[in-house]
Amino acid sequence: MDWIIFGLVVTWLGIVSWFDIRKSEIPHSAWVVIPLIGAGLYRILQGDWTLVLLAAVVAAVSERYRISKAFGWEELSRIITWLPLLFLGAFLSIQSSPLSALAIIGFWAAWELKWWGGADAVSAITICLIWPGIFFIISFLVIHLIVVIVSGLISVIREQKIKLHRVPGLPILLASVLILKVGIIILG
């Protein structure tokens, strides 16, 4: 079953990475929303509904303007309205998966602060739901460190100074998942 999930995730991330590299966006939000729902159902079947609750609250908070318009209630567009639910989701999920809960909050914060695109954040949250342990976080950090070092070295060599680069996030997530699987195989 684990290999089937791995194959599905790699195929999905491969497709959305291709879109991200070509056009810096995915063609439709369904490319990340459907996998998020699937990962949530998978995590619930694994018995960890609290992490799914946090992911659902984070997704709702990110869509607060649309929710506010749909219900015609302006108060829902303010983030402070959602803070009690965010704290509840964080409190409950930290009990079962502390690192993944903090990662989900971090990915959401990067999205809200416009450091990341929505597809990048939702994809990372999806992967956290599928593999909530420390291995994904470590592989994610290792790949990002490699990308920062390599892009920094390239800019030093080409331009004689360190320059920040915009690298598509979805291919980096794909590389993180591949490193994750290699790490799991090596560590047994």
N, C-alpha and C. Protein backbone atom coordinates (compact mmCIF):
# COMPACT_ATOMS: atom_id res chain seq x y z
N MET A 1 0.83 -1.20 0.00
CA MET A 1 0.00 0.00 0.00
C MET A 1 0.86 1.26 0.00
N ASP A 2 1.98 1.20 0.74
CA ASP A 2 2.85 2.36 0.83
C ASP A 2 3.44 2.73 -0.54
N TRP A 3 3.78 1.71 -1.33
CA TRP A 3 4.33 1.99 -2.66
C TRP A 3 3.28 2.57 -3.60
N ILE A 4 2.04 2.14 -3.44
CA ILE A 4 0.96 2.69 -4.26
C ILE A 4 0.78 4.17 -3.94
N ILE A 5 0.74 4.50 -2.67
CA ILE A 5 0.61 5.90 -2.26
C ILE A 5 1.80 6.71 -2.74
N PHE A 6 3.00 6.15 -2.59
CA PHE A 6 4.20 6.83 -3.07
C PHE A 6 4.11 7.08 -4.57
N GLY A 7 3.69 6.08 -5.34
CA GLY A 7 3.55 6.23 -6.79
C GLY A 7 2.53 7.30 -7.16
N LEU A 8 1.40 7.30 -6.47
CA LEU A 8 0.38 8.33 -6.73
C LEU A 8 0.90 9.72 -6.41
N VAL A 9 1.59 9.86 -5.28
CA VAL A 9 2.11 11.17 -4.88
C VAL A 9 3.17 11.66 -5.86
N VAL A 10 4.08 10.77 -6.26
CA VAL A 10 5.13 11.17 -7.20
C VAL A 10 4.54 11.54 -8.56
N THR A 11 3.56 10.78 -9.02
CA THR A 11 2.90 11.10 -10.29
C THR A 11 2.21 12.45 -10.21
N TRP A 12 1.44 12.67 -9.14
CA TRP A 12 0.75 13.94 -8.95
C TRP A 12 1.74 15.10 -8.87
N LEU A 13 2.77 14.96 -8.03
CA LEU A 13 3.75 16.05 -7.90
C LEU A 13 4.53 16.25 -9.19
N GLY A 14 4.77 15.18 -9.94
CA GLY A 14 5.44 15.32 -11.22
C GLY A 14 4.63 16.17 -12.20
N ILE A 15 3.33 15.93 -12.24
CA ILE A 15 2.46 16.69 -13.14
C ILE A 15 2.38 18.15 -12.72
N VAL A 16 2.11 18.41 -11.44
CA VAL A 16 1.98 19.81 -11.01
C VAL A 16 3.33 20.52 -11.04
N SER A 17 4.43 19.78 -10.87
CA SER A 17 5.77 20.39 -10.99
C SER A 17 6.02 20.84 -12.42
N TRP A 18 5.57 20.03 -13.36
CA TRP A 18 5.73 20.39 -14.77
C TRP A 18 4.99 21.70 -15.06
N PHE A 19 3.76 21.82 -14.55
CA PHE A 19 3.01 23.07 -14.71
C PHE A 19 3.75 24.22 -14.03
N ASP A 20 4.28 23.99 -12.84
CA ASP A 20 4.96 25.03 -12.08
C ASP A 20 6.22 25.51 -12.80
N ILE A 21 6.95 24.60 -13.40
CA ILE A 21 8.17 24.97 -14.13
C ILE A 21 7.81 25.74 -15.40
N ARG A 22 6.80 25.29 -16.11
CA ARG A 22 6.45 25.92 -17.39
C ARG A 22 5.79 27.28 -17.24
N LYS A 23 4.82 27.39 -16.31
CA LYS A 23 4.02 28.61 -16.25
C LYS A 23 4.00 29.28 -14.87
N SER A 24 4.71 28.73 -13.92
CA SER A 24 4.74 29.25 -12.54
C SER A 24 3.39 29.22 -11.85
N GLU A 25 2.50 28.38 -12.35
CA GLU A 25 1.20 28.19 -11.70
C GLU A 25 0.58 26.89 -12.22
N ILE A 26 -0.40 26.41 -11.47
CA ILE A 26 -1.12 25.22 -11.92
C ILE A 26 -2.39 25.68 -12.62
N PRO A 27 -2.93 24.87 -13.55
CA PRO A 27 -4.07 25.33 -14.34
C PRO A 27 -5.37 25.48 -13.55
N HIS A 28 -5.53 24.72 -12.47
CA HIS A 28 -6.77 24.79 -11.69
C HIS A 28 -6.48 24.35 -10.27
N SER A 29 -7.18 24.94 -9.31
CA SER A 29 -6.95 24.60 -7.90
C SER A 29 -7.32 23.15 -7.58
N ALA A 30 -8.11 22.51 -8.43
CA ALA A 30 -8.48 21.10 -8.20
C ALA A 30 -7.24 20.21 -8.18
N TRP A 31 -6.17 20.62 -8.86
CA TRP A 31 -4.93 19.85 -8.88
C TRP A 31 -4.31 19.71 -7.49
N VAL A 32 -4.64 20.61 -6.56
CA VAL A 32 -4.12 20.49 -5.19
C VAL A 32 -5.22 20.23 -4.17
N VAL A 33 -6.44 20.67 -4.46
CA VAL A 33 -7.54 20.49 -3.51
C VAL A 33 -7.96 19.01 -3.42
N ILE A 34 -8.08 18.35 -4.56
CA ILE A 34 -8.49 16.94 -4.55
C ILE A 34 -7.46 16.07 -3.82
N PRO A 35 -6.15 16.23 -4.09
CA PRO A 35 -5.18 15.46 -3.30
C PRO A 35 -5.22 15.80 -1.80
N LEU A 36 -5.49 17.05 -1.45
CA LEU A 36 -5.60 17.43 -0.04
C LEU A 36 -6.75 16.68 0.62
N ILE A 37 -7.88 16.62 -0.06
CA ILE A 37 -9.03 15.88 0.48
C ILE A 37 -8.70 14.39 0.59
N GLY A 38 -8.06 13.84 -0.44
CA GLY A 38 -7.66 12.43 -0.39
C GLY A 38 -6.69 12.14 0.74
N ALA A 39 -5.72 13.03 0.94
CA ALA A 39 -4.76 12.86 2.03
C ALA A 39 -5.45 12.97 3.38
N GLY A 40 -6.44 13.87 3.47
CA GLY A 40 -7.20 13.99 4.71
C GLY A 40 -7.97 12.72 5.03
N LEU A 41 -8.61 12.15 4.02
CA LEU A 41 -9.33 10.89 4.23
C LEU A 41 -8.37 9.76 4.62
N TYR A 42 -7.23 9.72 3.97
CA TYR A 42 -6.22 8.71 4.30
C TYR A 42 -5.75 8.87 5.75
N ARG A 43 -5.50 10.10 6.18
CA ARG A 43 -5.03 10.33 7.55
C ARG A 43 -6.12 9.97 8.56
N ILE A 44 -7.38 10.26 8.23
CA ILE A 44 -8.48 9.88 9.13
C ILE A 44 -8.55 8.36 9.25
N LEU A 45 -8.39 7.65 8.12
CA LEU A 45 -8.39 6.19 8.15
C LEU A 45 -7.22 5.64 8.96
N GLN A 46 -6.14 6.40 9.04
CA GLN A 46 -4.99 6.01 9.85
C GLN A 46 -5.20 6.34 11.32
N GLY A 47 -6.29 7.05 11.64
CA GLY A 47 -6.63 7.33 13.03
C GLY A 47 -6.17 8.68 13.56
N ASP A 48 -5.69 9.56 12.71
CA ASP A 48 -5.21 10.87 13.18
C ASP A 48 -6.08 11.98 12.61
N TRP A 49 -7.28 12.11 13.12
CA TRP A 49 -8.22 13.11 12.62
C TRP A 49 -7.83 14.52 13.05
N THR A 50 -7.05 14.66 14.11
CA THR A 50 -6.73 16.01 14.60
C THR A 50 -5.85 16.77 13.62
N LEU A 51 -4.94 16.07 12.96
CA LEU A 51 -4.10 16.73 11.96
C LEU A 51 -4.94 17.17 10.77
N VAL A 52 -5.93 16.39 10.43
CA VAL A 52 -6.86 16.75 9.35
C VAL A 52 -7.68 17.97 9.75
N LEU A 53 -8.10 18.02 11.01
CA LEU A 53 -8.83 19.19 11.51
C LEU A 53 -7.99 20.45 11.35
N LEU A 54 -6.72 20.39 11.73
CA LEU A 54 -5.84 21.55 11.58
C LEU A 54 -5.71 21.95 10.12
N ALA A 55 -5.51 20.99 9.23
CA ALA A 55 -5.38 21.28 7.80
C ALA A 55 -6.67 21.91 7.26
N ALA A 56 -7.82 21.41 7.70
CA ALA A 56 -9.10 21.96 7.25
C ALA A 56 -9.30 23.39 7.76
N VAL A 57 -8.94 23.64 9.01
CA VAL A 57 -9.08 25.00 9.56
C VAL A 57 -8.14 25.95 8.83
N VAL A 58 -6.92 25.53 8.59
CA VAL A 58 -5.95 26.36 7.88
C VAL A 58 -6.46 26.68 6.46
N ALA A 59 -7.01 25.68 5.79
CA ALA A 59 -7.56 25.90 4.45
C ALA A 59 -8.74 26.87 4.50
N ALA A 60 -9.60 26.73 5.50
CA ALA A 60 -10.75 27.63 5.64
C ALA A 60 -10.30 29.05 5.93
N VAL A 61 -9.31 29.21 6.78
CA VAL A 61 -8.81 30.55 7.10
C VAL A 61 -8.22 31.20 5.86
N SER A 62 -7.54 30.43 5.04
CA SER A 62 -6.96 30.97 3.82
C SER A 62 -8.02 31.38 2.81
N GLU A 63 -9.18 30.79 2.90
CA GLU A 63 -10.29 31.13 2.01
C GLU A 63 -11.31 32.02 2.72
N ARG A 64 -10.89 32.72 3.75
CA ARG A 64 -11.82 33.50 4.57
C ARG A 64 -12.55 34.59 3.78
N TYR A 65 -11.91 35.17 2.78
CA TYR A 65 -12.59 36.22 2.01
C TYR A 65 -13.73 35.63 1.18
N ARG A 66 -13.49 34.48 0.58
CA ARG A 66 -14.56 33.82 -0.19
C ARG A 66 -15.69 33.36 0.73
N ILE A 67 -15.32 32.82 1.89
CA ILE A 67 -16.33 32.38 2.85
C ILE A 67 -17.15 33.57 3.33
N SER A 68 -16.49 34.68 3.57
CA SER A 68 -17.18 35.90 4.02
C SER A 68 -18.18 36.38 2.97
N LYS A 69 -17.78 36.37 1.71
CA LYS A 69 -18.69 36.78 0.64
C LYS A 69 -19.85 35.80 0.50
N ALA A 70 -19.56 34.51 0.61
CA ALA A 70 -20.60 33.49 0.44
C ALA A 70 -21.68 33.61 1.51
N PHE A 71 -21.27 33.90 2.74
CA PHE A 71 -22.23 34.02 3.84
C PHE A 71 -22.72 35.46 4.05
N GLY A 72 -22.10 36.41 3.35
CA GLY A 72 -22.49 37.80 3.50
C GLY A 72 -22.21 38.37 4.88
N TRP A 73 -21.17 37.86 5.52
CA TRP A 73 -20.82 38.28 6.87
C TRP A 73 -19.37 38.74 6.87
N GLU A 74 -19.17 40.04 6.90
CA GLU A 74 -17.83 40.62 6.76
C GLU A 74 -16.87 40.19 7.87
N GLU A 75 -17.39 39.91 9.04
CA GLU A 75 -16.54 39.51 10.16
C GLU A 75 -15.72 38.26 9.85
N LEU A 76 -16.23 37.39 8.99
CA LEU A 76 -15.51 36.17 8.64
C LEU A 76 -14.25 36.43 7.81
N SER A 77 -14.12 37.63 7.26
CA SER A 77 -12.93 37.95 6.46
C SER A 77 -11.75 38.35 7.33
N ARG A 78 -11.97 38.55 8.61
CA ARG A 78 -10.90 38.95 9.52
C ARG A 78 -10.25 37.71 10.14
N ILE A 79 -8.95 37.71 10.14
CA ILE A 79 -8.23 36.54 10.66
C ILE A 79 -8.46 36.35 12.16
N ILE A 80 -8.69 37.44 12.87
CA ILE A 80 -8.90 37.33 14.32
C ILE A 80 -10.16 36.52 14.65
N THR A 81 -11.12 36.52 13.75
CA THR A 81 -12.33 35.72 13.95
C THR A 81 -12.00 34.23 13.97
N TRP A 82 -11.00 33.84 13.22
CA TRP A 82 -10.65 32.43 13.07
C TRP A 82 -9.62 31.95 14.10
N LEU A 83 -9.04 32.87 14.87
CA LEU A 83 -7.98 32.48 15.81
C LEU A 83 -8.40 31.40 16.81
N PRO A 84 -9.59 31.46 17.41
CA PRO A 84 -9.95 30.37 18.33
C PRO A 84 -9.94 28.99 17.67
N LEU A 85 -10.45 28.90 16.44
CA LEU A 85 -10.42 27.62 15.73
C LEU A 85 -8.99 27.19 15.39
N LEU A 86 -8.16 28.17 15.00
CA LEU A 86 -6.76 27.85 14.72
C LEU A 86 -6.06 27.32 15.96
N PHE A 87 -6.27 27.98 17.09
CA PHE A 87 -5.64 27.53 18.33
C PHE A 87 -6.15 26.14 18.73
N LEU A 88 -7.44 25.90 18.58
CA LEU A 88 -8.00 24.59 18.91
C LEU A 88 -7.39 23.51 18.01
N GLY A 89 -7.36 23.77 16.71
CA GLY A 89 -6.78 22.80 15.78
C GLY A 89 -5.31 22.54 16.08
N ALA A 90 -4.56 23.61 16.37
CA ALA A 90 -3.14 23.45 16.69
C ALA A 90 -2.97 22.68 17.99
N PHE A 91 -3.75 23.03 19.01
CA PHE A 91 -3.64 22.36 20.31
C PHE A 91 -3.91 20.86 20.19
N LEU A 92 -4.98 20.51 19.50
CA LEU A 92 -5.34 19.10 19.37
C LEU A 92 -4.33 18.32 18.53
N SER A 93 -3.88 18.91 17.43
CA SER A 93 -2.98 18.18 16.54
C SER A 93 -1.56 18.09 17.08
N ILE A 94 -1.14 19.06 17.87
CA ILE A 94 0.20 18.99 18.45
C ILE A 94 0.32 17.82 19.41
N GLN A 95 -0.80 17.41 19.98
CA GLN A 95 -0.78 16.26 20.89
C GLN A 95 -0.37 14.97 20.18
N SER A 96 -0.80 14.80 18.93
CA SER A 96 -0.54 13.55 18.23
C SER A 96 0.64 13.64 17.26
N SER A 97 0.79 14.75 16.58
CA SER A 97 1.86 14.91 15.58
C SER A 97 2.46 16.31 15.69
N PRO A 98 3.29 16.55 16.70
CA PRO A 98 3.75 17.92 16.94
C PRO A 98 4.52 18.53 15.78
N LEU A 99 5.44 17.79 15.19
CA LEU A 99 6.24 18.35 14.11
C LEU A 99 5.40 18.64 12.87
N SER A 100 4.52 17.74 12.53
CA SER A 100 3.66 17.95 11.36
C SER A 100 2.69 19.10 11.60
N ALA A 101 2.17 19.22 12.81
CA ALA A 101 1.27 20.33 13.12
C ALA A 101 1.99 21.66 12.96
N LEU A 102 3.20 21.75 13.48
CA LEU A 102 3.98 22.99 13.34
C LEU A 102 4.33 23.24 11.88
N ALA A 103 4.63 22.18 11.13
CA ALA A 103 4.94 22.34 9.71
C ALA A 103 3.72 22.85 8.94
N ILE A 104 2.55 22.30 9.23
CA ILE A 104 1.33 22.76 8.56
C ILE A 104 1.10 24.24 8.85
N ILE A 105 1.27 24.64 10.09
CA ILE A 105 1.12 26.06 10.44
C ILE A 105 2.17 26.90 9.72
N GLY A 106 3.39 26.39 9.65
CA GLY A 106 4.46 27.11 8.95
C GLY A 106 4.19 27.25 7.46
N PHE A 107 3.72 26.18 6.81
CA PHE A 107 3.40 26.25 5.39
C PHE A 107 2.26 27.24 5.14
N TRP A 108 1.27 27.21 6.02
CA TRP A 108 0.15 28.13 5.90
C TRP A 108 0.63 29.58 6.08
N ALA A 109 1.49 29.81 7.08
CA ALA A 109 2.01 31.16 7.32
C ALA A 109 2.80 31.66 6.11
N ALA A 110 3.59 30.78 5.49
CA ALA A 110 4.34 31.17 4.30
C ALA A 110 3.40 31.56 3.16
N TRP A 111 2.28 30.88 3.07
CA TRP A 111 1.27 31.20 2.06
C TRP A 111 0.63 32.55 2.37
N GLU A 112 0.23 32.74 3.62
CA GLU A 112 -0.42 34.00 4.02
C GLU A 112 0.51 35.20 3.85
N LEU A 113 1.79 35.01 4.11
CA LEU A 113 2.76 36.10 4.00
C LEU A 113 3.27 36.28 2.57
N LYS A 114 2.72 35.51 1.64
CA LYS A 114 3.06 35.58 0.21
C LYS A 114 4.51 35.17 -0.07
N TRP A 115 5.09 34.35 0.83
CA TRP A 115 6.41 33.81 0.57
C TRP A 115 6.31 32.60 -0.33
N TRP A 116 5.19 31.96 -0.29
CA TRP A 116 4.91 30.76 -1.08
C TRP A 116 3.62 30.96 -1.83
N GLY A 117 3.48 30.25 -2.94
CA GLY A 117 2.21 30.24 -3.63
C GLY A 117 1.24 29.28 -2.95
N GLY A 118 -0.02 29.43 -3.27
CA GLY A 118 -1.04 28.57 -2.67
C GLY A 118 -0.87 27.11 -3.01
N ALA A 119 -0.50 26.81 -4.26
CA ALA A 119 -0.32 25.41 -4.65
C ALA A 119 0.85 24.78 -3.91
N ASP A 120 1.91 25.54 -3.70
CA ASP A 120 3.06 25.03 -2.95
C ASP A 120 2.66 24.69 -1.52
N ALA A 121 1.96 25.60 -0.88
CA ALA A 121 1.57 25.40 0.52
C ALA A 121 0.58 24.24 0.67
N VAL A 122 -0.43 24.20 -0.19
CA VAL A 122 -1.42 23.13 -0.10
C VAL A 122 -0.77 21.78 -0.39
N SER A 123 0.15 21.74 -1.34
CA SER A 123 0.85 20.49 -1.64
C SER A 123 1.71 20.03 -0.46
N ALA A 124 2.40 20.96 0.17
CA ALA A 124 3.22 20.61 1.34
C ALA A 124 2.34 20.12 2.50
N ILE A 125 1.20 20.76 2.70
CA ILE A 125 0.27 20.33 3.74
C ILE A 125 -0.26 18.93 3.42
N THR A 126 -0.55 18.69 2.15
CA THR A 126 -1.01 17.37 1.71
C THR A 126 0.02 16.30 2.04
N ILE A 127 1.28 16.58 1.75
CA ILE A 127 2.34 15.61 2.03
C ILE A 127 2.49 15.40 3.54
N CYS A 128 2.32 16.47 4.32
CA CYS A 128 2.37 16.32 5.79
C CYS A 128 1.26 15.41 6.29
N LEU A 129 0.12 15.44 5.63
CA LEU A 129 -0.97 14.54 6.03
C LEU A 129 -0.67 13.09 5.66
N ILE A 130 0.02 12.90 4.56
CA ILE A 130 0.33 11.54 4.12
C ILE A 130 1.47 10.94 4.96
N TRP A 131 2.52 11.72 5.15
CA TRP A 131 3.68 11.27 5.94
C TRP A 131 3.92 12.25 7.08
N PRO A 132 3.22 12.08 8.19
CA PRO A 132 3.29 13.07 9.27
C PRO A 132 4.51 12.97 10.18
N GLY A 133 5.43 12.11 9.89
CA GLY A 133 6.59 11.95 10.77
C GLY A 133 7.69 12.95 10.48
N ILE A 134 8.79 12.77 11.15
CA ILE A 134 9.93 13.67 11.04
C ILE A 134 10.67 13.52 9.71
N PHE A 135 10.54 12.35 9.05
CA PHE A 135 11.32 12.10 7.85
C PHE A 135 11.01 13.08 6.72
N PHE A 136 9.73 13.41 6.52
CA PHE A 136 9.41 14.37 5.46
C PHE A 136 9.99 15.74 5.79
N ILE A 137 9.88 16.17 7.02
CA ILE A 137 10.40 17.49 7.42
C ILE A 137 11.91 17.54 7.19
N ILE A 138 12.60 16.48 7.57
CA ILE A 138 14.06 16.44 7.37
C ILE A 138 14.39 16.48 5.88
N SER A 139 13.71 15.67 5.08
CA SER A 139 13.99 15.67 3.63
C SER A 139 13.65 17.01 3.01
N PHE A 140 12.58 17.64 3.47
CA PHE A 140 12.19 18.97 3.00
C PHE A 140 13.29 19.98 3.30
N LEU A 141 13.80 19.97 4.53
CA LEU A 141 14.85 20.91 4.93
C LEU A 141 16.16 20.63 4.20
N VAL A 142 16.51 19.36 4.01
CA VAL A 142 17.75 19.02 3.31
C VAL A 142 17.70 19.50 1.86
N ILE A 143 16.60 19.24 1.18
CA ILE A 143 16.47 19.67 -0.22
C ILE A 143 16.53 21.19 -0.31
N HIS A 144 15.85 21.89 0.59
CA HIS A 144 15.89 23.35 0.55
C HIS A 144 17.30 23.88 0.83
N LEU A 145 18.01 23.26 1.74
CA LEU A 145 19.38 23.66 2.02
C LEU A 145 20.26 23.46 0.78
N ILE A 146 20.09 22.34 0.10
CA ILE A 146 20.85 22.07 -1.12
C ILE A 146 20.53 23.12 -2.19
N VAL A 147 19.25 23.43 -2.36
CA VAL A 147 18.84 24.42 -3.37
C VAL A 147 19.43 25.79 -3.04
N VAL A 148 19.39 26.19 -1.77
CA VAL A 148 19.93 27.49 -1.37
C VAL A 148 21.44 27.54 -1.62
N ILE A 149 22.15 26.49 -1.25
CA ILE A 149 23.61 26.47 -1.44
C ILE A 149 23.96 26.49 -2.92
N VAL A 150 23.31 25.65 -3.71
CA VAL A 150 23.61 25.59 -5.14
C VAL A 150 23.26 26.90 -5.84
N SER A 151 22.07 27.44 -5.57
CA SER A 151 21.70 28.70 -6.23
C SER A 151 22.59 29.85 -5.76
N GLY A 152 23.01 29.83 -4.50
CA GLY A 152 23.93 30.85 -4.00
C GLY A 152 25.29 30.74 -4.67
N LEU A 153 25.80 29.52 -4.82
CA LEU A 153 27.08 29.33 -5.50
C LEU A 153 27.01 29.75 -6.96
N ILE A 154 25.92 29.42 -7.62
CA ILE A 154 25.75 29.82 -9.02
C ILE A 154 25.76 31.33 -9.15
N SER A 155 25.05 32.03 -8.26
CA SER A 155 25.02 33.49 -8.34
C SER A 155 26.38 34.10 -8.02
N VAL A 156 27.13 33.50 -7.10
CA VAL A 156 28.47 34.00 -6.78
C VAL A 156 29.39 33.81 -7.98
N ILE A 157 29.30 32.67 -8.63
CA ILE A 157 30.16 32.39 -9.79
C ILE A 157 29.79 33.29 -10.97
N ARG A 158 28.50 33.43 -11.25
CA ARG A 158 28.06 34.20 -12.42
C ARG A 158 28.11 35.71 -12.20
N GLU A 159 27.68 36.17 -11.03
CA GLU A 159 27.50 37.61 -10.81
C GLU A 159 28.43 38.19 -9.76
N GLN A 160 29.28 37.37 -9.19
CA GLN A 160 30.23 37.80 -8.17
C GLN A 160 29.57 38.32 -6.89
N LYS A 161 28.30 37.97 -6.69
CA LYS A 161 27.61 38.33 -5.45
C LYS A 161 26.49 37.33 -5.20
N ILE A 162 26.10 37.24 -3.93
CA ILE A 162 25.00 36.33 -3.58
C ILE A 162 23.69 37.03 -3.87
N LYS A 163 22.82 36.34 -4.58
CA LYS A 163 21.54 36.91 -4.98
C LYS A 163 20.44 35.90 -4.68
N LEU A 164 19.30 36.38 -4.21
CA LEU A 164 18.16 35.50 -3.97
C LEU A 164 17.54 35.11 -5.30
N HIS A 165 17.11 33.87 -5.38
CA HIS A 165 16.51 33.35 -6.61
C HIS A 165 15.10 32.87 -6.35
N ARG A 166 14.29 32.94 -7.36
CA ARG A 166 12.93 32.40 -7.29
C ARG A 166 12.95 31.03 -7.96
N VAL A 167 12.83 30.01 -7.16
CA VAL A 167 12.84 28.63 -7.65
C VAL A 167 11.44 28.06 -7.45
N PRO A 168 10.86 27.41 -8.47
CA PRO A 168 9.53 26.82 -8.29
C PRO A 168 9.50 25.84 -7.12
N GLY A 169 8.47 25.96 -6.29
CA GLY A 169 8.38 25.15 -5.07
C GLY A 169 7.95 23.72 -5.27
N LEU A 170 7.09 23.46 -6.24
CA LEU A 170 6.57 22.11 -6.42
C LEU A 170 7.64 21.09 -6.84
N PRO A 171 8.58 21.45 -7.74
CA PRO A 171 9.66 20.49 -8.01
C PRO A 171 10.52 20.20 -6.78
N ILE A 172 10.68 21.19 -5.92
CA ILE A 172 11.45 20.97 -4.69
C ILE A 172 10.69 20.02 -3.77
N LEU A 173 9.37 20.16 -3.72
CA LEU A 173 8.56 19.21 -2.94
C LEU A 173 8.66 17.79 -3.51
N LEU A 174 8.66 17.69 -4.83
CA LEU A 174 8.83 16.38 -5.47
C LEU A 174 10.17 15.77 -5.07
N ALA A 175 11.23 16.57 -5.12
CA ALA A 175 12.55 16.08 -4.72
C ALA A 175 12.55 15.68 -3.24
N SER A 176 11.83 16.42 -2.41
CA SER A 176 11.73 16.09 -0.99
C SER A 176 11.08 14.73 -0.78
N VAL A 177 10.03 14.45 -1.54
CA VAL A 177 9.34 13.16 -1.43
C VAL A 177 10.25 12.03 -1.90
N LEU A 178 11.00 12.27 -2.97
CA LEU A 178 11.93 11.24 -3.45
C LEU A 178 13.02 10.96 -2.41
N ILE A 179 13.56 12.02 -1.83
CA ILE A 179 14.57 11.86 -0.77
C ILE A 179 13.95 11.17 0.44
N LEU A 180 12.71 11.50 0.75
CA LEU A 180 12.00 10.87 1.86
C LEU A 180 11.95 9.35 1.67
N LYS A 181 11.56 8.92 0.48
CA LYS A 181 11.44 7.48 0.23
C LYS A 181 12.80 6.80 0.28
N VAL A 182 13.82 7.44 -0.27
CA VAL A 182 15.17 6.88 -0.20
C VAL A 182 15.60 6.75 1.26
N GLY A 183 15.33 7.79 2.05
CA GLY A 183 15.68 7.75 3.47
C GLY A 183 14.95 6.65 4.22
N ILE A 184 13.68 6.46 3.91
CA ILE A 184 12.90 5.40 4.57
C ILE A 184 13.44 4.03 4.19
N ILE A 185 13.82 3.86 2.92
CA ILE A 185 14.37 2.58 2.48
C ILE A 185 15.71 2.31 3.16
N ILE A 186 16.56 3.31 3.22
CA ILE A 186 17.89 3.13 3.83
C ILE A 186 17.77 2.86 5.32
N LEU A 187 16.90 3.61 6.00
CA LEU A 187 16.76 3.45 7.45
C LEU A 187 15.90 2.25 7.83
N GLY A 188 15.22 1.68 6.83
CA GLY A 188 14.43 0.46 7.06
C GLY A 188 13.15 0.76 7.66
